């Protein structure tokens, strides 16, 4: 596969749907919380007064938002978490590891039913977030024809629909055996409703009508660098694990491996899965939120939350300085919740996930000797495509997309894919030293 956007502008794959009949109604996004925990419906009647105590004593909690900057001082090899999917990112040699545990022995520990508060007067805001969100985070165990593994998921519909990563429920067999463990220890069988490998999002359905506690949704478009983050999942098979950090960067883009995307000879890489055989595939470009909250194998598909206990991202990958056993070094990545939830609801509806198509082959502008700015350099334009319709041509350099800076081909691919086919976006580009802005209506990736 070339370094151009052909990896994403050429139809790579389509979302696959399992045989589960799709419900007629798509769940509406839970409304973002507009208040703190004192008035939250989650603050009473569920945790035996725990959240109430936290809310009442919240004013007594000292603000601990000051953080010291960390300097690694090393050349990082980025790693993606499905066990070890080797990919790449722009601007450095990073090994990206996906976060599902493969071939790992699940420790003999019980799943915590609630968040236990031993000293309510000293409880932190993170304690309240964990108490609110824990019932909506599940542990997912998957068994396929080539092995087994575990990951995490988030309940997005009271009928038992759970959003997770596509790589969590893709172990060799197209339809693996899936089991879900709730935070209170209940076990349920589940089946895959559908997967969208271009976003690495999948939906599974618990074999019970519930009702289940739905995760509150936040607005990932309103994040700022420095905002508090809380990650909940089952790293290394340890359910109910809570870690915290901050939003380290926004509008980041990475490339990760996707085993179900058809590969080409020049786009192959190894999936070095613990306890399994290497597999080959190709890569996809994802927009991500970067966080320093500690996430590890098994966190894939789990929740990244804001200080109000609302979902802002789906944990997907980490960066590592070494092999797959290196663990977290404070560089974690999550798929923005707004994007992930759109894909999940489209899967549930039965219509399939929709992704925009620009209709152009692009490469990194900095790789071209004639470039004077960074961005996505257009190698060629597809006749009749979206780019052609607004007059883009070979040699143009895209520098912004919907107001977001574009520094390379990965940024542009990720942002185009975030929007559904038919969506309209503004795009800025440079031609012969002059800057232009156009409004483009994206095509549909088939």
Protein backbone atom coordinates (compact mmCIF):
# COMPACT_ATOMS: atom_id res chain seq x y z
CA UNK A 1 0.00 0.00 0.00
CA UNK A 2 1.34 3.43 -0.90
CA UNK A 3 1.79 6.29 1.52
CA UNK A 4 -1.14 8.06 -0.08
CA UNK A 5 -4.67 8.27 1.22
CA UNK A 6 -5.49 5.36 -1.03
CA UNK A 7 -5.54 3.27 2.11
CA UNK A 8 -8.71 5.10 3.10
CA UNK A 9 -9.98 6.73 -0.08
CA UNK A 10 -10.17 3.33 -1.78
CA UNK A 11 -13.07 1.25 -0.44
CA UNK A 12 -11.34 -1.01 2.06
CA UNK A 13 -14.19 -2.82 3.68
CA UNK A 14 -17.72 -2.44 4.91
CA UNK A 15 -19.19 -2.82 8.35
CA UNK A 16 -20.33 -6.38 8.90
CA UNK A 17 -23.58 -7.11 10.65
CA UNK A 18 -24.27 -10.27 12.59
CA UNK A 19 -27.51 -12.18 12.17
CA UNK A 20 -29.08 -10.47 15.18
CA UNK A 21 -32.20 -8.59 13.99
CA UNK A 22 -31.68 -4.87 14.37
CA UNK A 23 -34.16 -3.02 16.60
CA UNK A 24 -36.54 -0.65 14.91
CA UNK A 25 -35.61 2.30 17.07
CA UNK A 26 -32.12 3.64 17.48
CA UNK A 27 -31.40 4.69 21.08
CA UNK A 28 -31.22 8.43 21.58
CA UNK A 29 -27.99 9.73 23.04
CA UNK A 30 -28.28 10.10 26.81
CA UNK A 31 -28.33 13.79 27.65
CA UNK A 32 -25.07 15.21 28.97
CA UNK A 33 -25.21 16.04 32.64
CA UNK A 34 -25.62 19.74 33.33
CA UNK A 35 -25.07 19.55 37.07
CA UNK A 36 -22.61 18.16 39.51
CA UNK A 37 -23.24 15.10 41.64
CA UNK A 38 -25.37 16.77 44.31
CA UNK A 39 -28.35 16.73 41.91
CA UNK A 40 -27.43 13.67 39.89
CA UNK A 41 -30.00 10.85 39.57
CA UNK A 42 -27.08 8.51 40.14
CA UNK A 43 -26.27 10.12 43.48
CA UNK A 44 -28.86 8.30 45.57
CA UNK A 45 -30.61 4.98 45.89
CA UNK A 46 -27.96 2.88 44.14
CA UNK A 47 -24.76 2.99 46.14
CA UNK A 48 -26.18 2.86 49.67
CA UNK A 49 -25.51 6.54 50.24
CA UNK A 50 -21.98 6.51 48.87
CA UNK A 51 -22.52 9.06 46.13
CA UNK A 52 -24.68 11.19 48.46
CA UNK A 53 -21.86 11.35 50.96
CA UNK A 54 -19.39 12.26 48.27
CA UNK A 55 -21.67 15.01 46.96
CA UNK A 56 -22.26 16.53 50.40
CA UNK A 57 -18.59 16.59 51.23
CA UNK A 58 -17.44 17.71 47.80
CA UNK A 59 -16.88 21.29 48.92
CA UNK A 60 -14.36 20.03 51.46
CA UNK A 61 -12.21 18.32 48.88
CA UNK A 62 -9.05 20.12 47.95
CA UNK A 63 -8.48 20.75 44.27
CA UNK A 64 -5.63 18.55 43.15
CA UNK A 65 -5.42 19.58 39.51
CA UNK A 66 -1.79 20.69 39.66
CA UNK A 67 0.39 18.26 37.77
CA UNK A 68 4.06 18.22 37.05
CA UNK A 69 5.07 18.04 33.42
CA UNK A 70 6.66 14.76 32.46
CA UNK A 71 9.64 14.55 30.20
CA UNK A 72 10.47 11.13 28.79
CA UNK A 73 13.66 12.23 27.08
CA UNK A 74 13.53 9.11 24.92
CA UNK A 75 12.62 8.10 21.39
CA UNK A 76 9.26 6.40 21.83
CA UNK A 77 8.20 3.42 19.77
CA UNK A 78 4.34 3.80 19.61
CA UNK A 79 2.32 0.67 20.42
CA UNK A 80 -1.59 -0.17 19.63
CA UNK A 81 -3.51 -2.42 22.08
CA UNK A 82 -5.20 -5.61 20.66
CA UNK A 83 -2.28 -7.48 22.12
CA UNK A 84 0.23 -5.90 19.81
CA UNK A 85 -0.86 -4.48 16.49
CA UNK A 86 2.11 -2.84 14.87
CA UNK A 87 1.25 0.30 13.03
CA UNK A 88 2.60 3.78 12.60
CA UNK A 89 1.91 7.39 13.36
CA UNK A 90 2.97 10.56 11.70
CA UNK A 91 6.03 12.32 12.96
CA UNK A 92 7.73 9.39 14.64
CA UNK A 93 8.33 5.67 14.73
CA UNK A 94 5.63 4.52 17.10
CA UNK A 95 4.43 1.00 17.75
CA UNK A 96 0.71 1.09 18.52
CA UNK A 97 -0.70 -1.68 20.71
CA UNK A 98 -4.41 -2.29 21.00
CA UNK A 99 -5.74 -2.79 24.48
CA UNK A 100 -7.48 -6.16 24.53
CA UNK A 101 -5.77 -8.93 26.46
CA UNK A 102 -4.84 -11.94 24.33
CA UNK A 103 -3.79 -15.23 25.83
CA UNK A 104 -3.67 -13.74 29.30
CA UNK A 105 -4.72 -15.66 32.39
CA UNK A 106 -7.58 -13.88 34.13
CA UNK A 107 -6.69 -13.45 37.82
CA UNK A 108 -8.97 -15.14 40.30
CA UNK A 109 -10.47 -11.90 41.57
CA UNK A 110 -14.07 -10.94 42.11
CA UNK A 111 -15.73 -8.16 40.18
CA UNK A 112 -16.47 -5.25 42.54
CA UNK A 113 -20.21 -4.71 42.95
CA UNK A 114 -19.87 -1.12 44.16
CA UNK A 115 -17.26 1.47 44.91
CA UNK A 116 -16.46 1.15 48.60
CA UNK A 117 -15.82 4.46 50.35
CA UNK A 118 -13.93 3.95 53.59
CA UNK A 119 -13.58 7.64 54.49
CA UNK A 120 -16.38 9.72 52.93
CA UNK A 121 -15.00 13.03 54.22
CA UNK A 122 -11.80 12.37 52.29
CA UNK A 123 -13.45 10.99 49.16
CA UNK A 124 -12.44 12.66 45.91
CA UNK A 125 -14.30 13.71 42.81
CA UNK A 126 -12.86 10.61 41.12
CA UNK A 127 -14.64 8.46 43.73
CA UNK A 128 -17.97 9.99 42.73
CA UNK A 129 -17.25 9.50 39.03
CA UNK A 130 -16.36 5.84 39.58
CA UNK A 131 -19.50 5.24 41.66
CA UNK A 132 -21.68 6.81 38.99
CA UNK A 133 -20.16 5.11 35.95
CA UNK A 134 -19.12 1.68 37.19
CA UNK A 135 -22.50 -0.06 36.58
CA UNK A 136 -22.28 0.92 32.90
CA UNK A 137 -18.82 -0.56 32.28
CA UNK A 138 -18.57 -4.29 31.55
CA UNK A 139 -15.82 -6.85 31.11
CA UNK A 140 -15.96 -8.76 27.82
CA UNK A 141 -14.48 -12.25 27.39
CA UNK A 142 -14.16 -13.56 23.86
CA UNK A 143 -13.25 -17.02 22.54
CA UNK A 144 -12.58 -17.74 18.88
CA UNK A 145 -11.04 -20.41 16.70
CA UNK A 146 -7.52 -19.01 17.17
CA UNK A 147 -7.53 -18.08 20.84
CA UNK A 148 -9.25 -16.10 23.55
CA UNK A 149 -8.96 -12.69 25.11
CA UNK A 150 -10.70 -10.02 27.11
CA UNK A 151 -11.57 -6.37 26.87
CA UNK A 152 -14.07 -3.85 28.16
CA UNK A 153 -17.29 -2.26 26.98
CA UNK A 154 -19.81 0.48 27.75
CA UNK A 155 -23.59 0.05 28.04
CA UNK A 156 -25.27 2.55 25.68
CA UNK A 157 -28.85 1.24 25.72
CA UNK A 158 -30.89 -0.13 28.62
CA UNK A 159 -31.88 -3.13 26.49
CA UNK A 160 -28.33 -4.43 26.73
CA UNK A 161 -26.48 -2.93 23.78
CA UNK A 162 -22.79 -2.52 24.60
CA UNK A 163 -20.26 -0.45 22.64
CA UNK A 164 -16.69 -1.72 22.45
CA UNK A 165 -13.76 -1.92 20.04
CA UNK A 166 -14.07 -4.04 16.89
CA UNK A 167 -10.72 -5.67 17.66
CA UNK A 168 -12.03 -6.85 21.06
CA UNK A 169 -14.62 -9.09 19.38
CA UNK A 170 -12.48 -10.17 16.43
CA UNK A 171 -10.41 -13.22 17.32
CA UNK A 172 -9.99 -15.29 14.20
CA UNK A 173 -13.58 -16.46 13.91
CA UNK A 174 -16.03 -13.98 12.44
CA UNK A 175 -18.57 -14.80 15.15
CA UNK A 176 -16.74 -15.62 18.41
CA UNK A 177 -18.32 -16.72 21.66
CA UNK A 178 -18.84 -13.66 23.85
CA UNK A 179 -19.54 -13.41 27.58
CA UNK A 180 -20.15 -10.22 29.55
CA UNK A 181 -19.54 -9.65 33.26
CA UNK A 182 -21.38 -6.76 34.89
CA UNK A 183 -19.88 -4.71 37.70
CA UNK A 184 -22.12 -6.51 40.22
CA UNK A 185 -20.79 -9.90 39.14
CA UNK A 186 -23.70 -11.02 36.95
CA UNK A 187 -22.68 -13.06 33.89
CA UNK A 188 -24.47 -12.97 30.53
CA UNK A 189 -23.92 -14.47 27.12
CA UNK A 190 -23.79 -11.92 24.31
CA UNK A 191 -23.57 -11.82 20.55
CA UNK A 192 -22.03 -9.44 18.07
CA UNK A 193 -24.55 -7.10 16.44
CA UNK A 194 -22.01 -5.59 14.06
CA UNK A 195 -18.50 -4.23 13.62
CA UNK A 196 -17.06 -1.25 11.81
CA UNK A 197 -13.35 -1.81 11.37
CA UNK A 198 -12.70 1.65 9.89
CA UNK A 199 -13.57 3.20 13.26
CA UNK A 200 -12.64 0.12 15.34
CA UNK A 201 -16.10 0.25 16.92
CA UNK A 202 -18.41 -2.72 17.49
CA UNK A 203 -21.70 -3.35 19.26
CA UNK A 204 -22.66 -6.49 21.16
CA UNK A 205 -26.08 -7.38 22.61
CA UNK A 206 -26.42 -8.94 26.04
CA UNK A 207 -28.76 -11.94 26.02
CA UNK A 208 -31.12 -10.31 28.49
CA UNK A 209 -33.53 -7.40 28.10
CA UNK A 210 -32.42 -5.70 31.29
CA UNK A 211 -32.99 -2.90 31.96
CA UNK A 212 -29.29 -2.09 32.27
CA UNK A 213 -27.73 1.12 33.53
CA UNK A 214 -26.79 3.33 30.58
CA UNK A 215 -23.60 5.39 30.49
CA UNK A 216 -24.13 9.16 30.50
CA UNK A 217 -22.76 10.72 27.32
CA UNK A 218 -20.48 13.74 27.27
CA UNK A 219 -19.52 16.01 24.38
CA UNK A 220 -16.04 15.11 23.12
CA UNK A 221 -16.04 18.22 20.91
CA UNK A 222 -15.86 20.44 23.99
CA UNK A 223 -12.68 18.99 25.50
CA UNK A 224 -9.69 21.11 26.41
CA UNK A 225 -6.11 20.10 27.06
CA UNK A 226 -5.76 19.77 30.83
CA UNK A 227 -9.32 18.54 31.47
CA UNK A 228 -9.52 15.71 33.99
CA UNK A 229 -9.96 12.17 32.66
CA UNK A 230 -10.92 8.93 34.42
CA UNK A 231 -10.48 5.54 32.74
CA UNK A 232 -12.51 2.50 33.79
CA UNK A 233 -12.03 -1.00 32.42
CA UNK A 234 -10.51 -4.42 32.99
CA UNK A 235 -6.76 -4.14 32.31
CA UNK A 236 -5.03 -7.52 32.46
CA UNK A 237 -8.35 -9.09 33.45
CA UNK A 238 -8.78 -6.93 36.57
CA UNK A 239 -12.38 -5.63 36.34
CA UNK A 240 -13.44 -2.37 37.90
CA UNK A 241 -10.01 -0.77 37.62
CA UNK A 242 -10.08 3.04 37.86
CA UNK A 243 -7.21 5.33 36.83
CA UNK A 244 -7.08 9.07 36.29
CA UNK A 245 -5.16 11.72 34.41
CA UNK A 246 -5.74 14.65 32.09
CA UNK A 247 -6.44 15.29 28.44
CA UNK A 248 -2.88 15.51 27.11
CA UNK A 249 -3.78 16.42 23.53
CA UNK A 250 -6.84 16.75 21.31
CA UNK A 251 -7.27 16.47 17.55
CA UNK A 252 -4.56 13.81 17.45
CA UNK A 253 -4.56 11.18 14.68
CA UNK A 254 -2.92 7.76 14.72
CA UNK A 255 -2.79 4.71 12.49
CA UNK A 256 -3.63 1.35 14.01
CA UNK A 257 -3.89 -2.19 12.75
CA UNK A 258 -7.17 -3.74 11.67
CA UNK A 259 -7.17 -7.48 11.08
CA UNK A 260 -10.39 -7.46 9.04
CA UNK A 261 -9.39 -4.78 6.55
CA UNK A 262 -8.14 -6.45 3.35
CA UNK A 263 -4.37 -6.01 3.17
CA UNK A 264 -1.99 -5.35 0.31
CA UNK A 265 1.56 -6.52 -0.01
CA UNK A 266 3.07 -3.16 0.85
CA UNK A 267 0.66 -2.58 3.72
CA UNK A 268 1.17 -5.75 5.74
CA UNK A 269 2.23 -5.91 9.34
CA UNK A 270 2.36 -8.56 12.06
CA UNK A 271 -0.20 -8.97 14.82
CA UNK A 272 2.06 -10.39 17.50
CA UNK A 273 -0.66 -11.83 19.70
CA UNK A 274 0.43 -13.42 22.99
CA UNK A 275 -0.32 -17.12 22.89
CA UNK A 276 -1.42 -16.93 19.25
CA UNK A 277 -0.05 -16.95 15.74
CA UNK A 278 1.01 -13.80 13.91
CA UNK A 279 -1.63 -12.40 11.59
CA UNK A 280 -1.40 -9.94 8.73
CA UNK A 281 -3.59 -6.99 7.96
CA UNK A 282 -3.43 -3.32 7.11
CA UNK A 283 -3.93 -0.05 8.93
CA UNK A 284 -6.68 2.46 9.54
CA UNK A 285 -6.47 6.12 10.53
CA UNK A 286 -8.29 7.21 13.69
CA UNK A 287 -8.92 10.57 15.35
CA UNK A 288 -8.09 10.21 19.04
CA UNK A 289 -7.99 11.93 22.40
CA UNK A 290 -4.60 11.57 24.09
CA UNK A 291 -4.53 11.06 27.86
CA UNK A 292 -1.97 10.27 30.54
CA UNK A 293 -4.48 8.16 32.50
CA UNK A 294 -2.93 4.71 32.87
CA UNK A 295 -4.49 2.24 30.44
CA UNK A 296 -3.20 -1.24 29.65
CA UNK A 297 -4.13 -4.43 27.72
CA UNK A 298 -7.73 -5.25 28.62
CA UNK A 299 -8.79 -1.58 28.68
CA UNK A 300 -9.81 -1.72 25.00
CA UNK A 301 -13.42 -0.69 24.59
CA UNK A 302 -13.55 0.72 28.11
CA UNK A 303 -14.65 4.17 29.19
CA UNK A 304 -12.72 7.41 29.27
CA UNK A 305 -14.77 9.83 31.36
CA UNK A 306 -14.81 13.51 32.25
CA UNK A 307 -15.11 14.91 35.78
CA UNK A 308 -18.91 14.66 35.58
CA UNK A 309 -18.80 10.93 34.94
CA UNK A 310 -19.79 11.29 31.29
CA UNK A 311 -18.29 9.28 28.44
CA UNK A 312 -15.84 11.30 26.35
CA UNK A 313 -13.91 8.48 24.69
CA UNK A 314 -13.54 4.75 24.07
CA UNK A 315 -10.07 3.54 25.03
CA UNK A 316 -8.30 1.98 22.05
CA UNK A 317 -4.49 2.15 22.15
CA UNK A 318 -1.35 3.10 24.03
CA UNK A 319 2.18 4.10 23.13
CA UNK A 320 5.03 2.00 24.45
CA UNK A 321 8.80 2.31 24.52
CA UNK A 322 9.31 -1.40 24.07
CA UNK A 323 7.49 -4.65 23.37
CA UNK A 324 3.95 -5.62 24.18
CA UNK A 325 4.83 -6.25 27.81
CA UNK A 326 5.91 -2.66 28.44
CA UNK A 327 2.53 -1.44 29.67
CA UNK A 328 1.41 2.14 30.09
CA UNK A 329 3.91 4.99 29.98
CA UNK A 330 1.28 7.72 30.17
CA UNK A 331 0.49 7.90 26.46
CA UNK A 332 -3.00 6.53 25.96
CA UNK A 333 -5.49 7.10 23.14
CA UNK A 334 -9.29 7.00 23.02
CA UNK A 335 -11.75 7.30 20.14
CA UNK A 336 -13.86 10.47 20.69
CA UNK A 337 -17.27 9.58 22.13
CA UNK A 338 -19.26 11.64 19.62
CA UNK A 339 -17.73 9.70 16.72
CA UNK A 340 -17.92 6.31 18.45
CA UNK A 341 -21.55 6.76 19.49
CA UNK A 342 -22.62 7.77 15.97
CA UNK A 343 -21.06 4.62 14.56
CA UNK A 344 -22.59 2.44 17.30
CA UNK A 345 -26.11 3.76 16.72
CA UNK A 346 -25.76 3.25 12.98
CA UNK A 347 -24.73 -0.36 13.61
CA UNK A 348 -27.72 -0.90 15.91
CA UNK A 349 -30.10 0.60 13.35
CA UNK A 350 -29.01 -1.99 10.79
CA UNK A 351 -28.06 0.66 8.25
CA UNK A 352 -24.34 0.14 8.74
CA UNK A 353 -21.68 2.69 9.60
CA UNK A 354 -21.23 5.61 7.21
CA UNK A 355 -17.87 7.22 6.39
CA UNK A 356 -17.06 10.21 4.23
CA UNK A 357 -15.00 9.98 1.05
CA UNK A 358 -12.96 12.89 -0.30
CA UNK A 359 -11.99 11.32 -3.61
CA UNK A 360 -8.30 12.21 -3.57
CA UNK A 361 -4.98 10.42 -3.21
CA UNK A 362 -2.81 12.23 -0.67
CA UNK A 363 0.60 12.01 0.94
CA UNK A 364 2.48 14.03 3.57
CA UNK A 365 3.33 17.51 2.31
CA UNK A 366 6.61 17.55 4.22
CA UNK A 367 7.81 14.64 2.10
CA UNK A 368 7.59 16.81 -1.02
CA UNK A 369 10.64 18.95 -1.78
CA UNK A 370 8.48 21.75 -3.20
CA UNK A 371 6.18 22.08 -0.17
CA UNK A 372 6.38 25.26 1.90
CA UNK A 373 3.75 24.24 4.51
CA UNK A 374 2.79 21.08 6.36
CA UNK A 375 -0.43 19.35 5.44
CA UNK A 376 -1.88 16.67 3.18
CA UNK A 377 -0.44 16.94 -0.34
CA UNK A 378 -2.87 15.94 -3.09
CA UNK A 379 -1.26 13.50 -5.52
CA UNK A 380 -4.35 13.03 -7.66
CA UNK A 381 -8.09 13.68 -7.68
CA UNK A 382 -10.80 11.18 -8.59
CA UNK A 383 -12.89 12.53 -11.50
CA UNK A 384 -16.41 13.29 -10.31
CA UNK A 385 -15.48 12.92 -6.64
CA UNK A 386 -15.96 15.38 -3.79
CA UNK A 387 -12.52 16.98 -4.18
CA UNK A 388 -12.96 17.32 -7.94
CA UNK A 389 -16.35 18.97 -7.47
CA UNK A 390 -14.82 21.89 -5.53
CA UNK A 391 -11.88 22.35 -7.88
CA UNK A 392 -9.06 20.71 -5.93
CA UNK A 393 -6.22 19.40 -8.07
CA UNK A 394 -2.86 17.66 -7.81
CA UNK A 395 -0.28 19.78 -6.01
CA UNK A 396 -2.75 21.43 -3.61
CA UNK A 397 -1.93 21.09 0.10
CA UNK A 398 -4.85 20.72 2.53
CA UNK A 399 -4.04 22.56 5.76
CA UNK A 400 -7.38 22.62 7.62
CA UNK A 401 -10.53 20.50 7.70
CA UNK A 402 -13.58 21.84 9.53
CA UNK A 403 -11.28 24.28 11.30
CA UNK A 404 -8.91 21.59 12.59
CA UNK A 405 -5.24 21.73 11.57
CA UNK A 406 -4.12 19.10 9.06
CA UNK A 407 -0.42 18.29 9.37
CA UNK A 408 -0.24 15.10 7.29
CA UNK A 409 -2.24 12.54 5.32
CA UNK A 410 -3.25 10.67 8.50
CA UNK A 411 -4.93 13.77 9.93
CA UNK A 412 -6.95 14.33 6.76
CA UNK A 413 -7.96 10.69 6.39
CA UNK A 414 -9.05 10.46 10.04
CA UNK A 415 -11.12 13.65 9.91
CA UNK A 416 -12.82 12.74 6.62
CA UNK A 417 -13.74 9.31 8.01
CA UNK A 418 -15.19 10.88 11.16
CA UNK A 419 -18.01 12.40 9.11
CA UNK A 420 -20.76 10.38 7.42
CA UNK A 421 -21.16 10.28 3.67
CA UNK A 422 -23.04 13.32 2.40
CA UNK A 423 -21.80 15.58 5.20
CA UNK A 424 -20.59 19.08 4.38
CA UNK A 425 -17.25 20.38 5.64
CA UNK A 426 -15.03 23.41 5.17
CA UNK A 427 -11.55 22.75 3.86
CA UNK A 428 -8.59 25.11 3.54
CA UNK A 429 -5.74 24.49 1.14
CA UNK A 430 -2.66 26.15 -0.30
CA UNK A 431 -2.00 26.42 -4.03
CA UNK A 432 1.06 28.19 -5.42
CA UNK A 433 1.55 30.02 -2.13
CA UNK A 434 -2.03 31.29 -1.92
CA UNK A 435 -4.61 30.09 0.62
CA UNK A 436 -8.19 29.16 -0.26
CA UNK A 437 -11.19 27.82 1.66
CA UNK A 438 -13.99 25.78 0.10
CA UNK A 439 -17.08 23.94 1.28
CA UNK A 440 -17.05 20.30 0.24
CA UNK A 441 -19.81 17.69 0.32
CA UNK A 442 -18.24 14.33 1.02
CA UNK A 443 -18.98 11.19 -0.92
CA UNK A 444 -19.84 7.85 0.68
CA UNK A 445 -17.18 5.21 1.26
CA UNK A 446 -18.67 2.00 -0.10
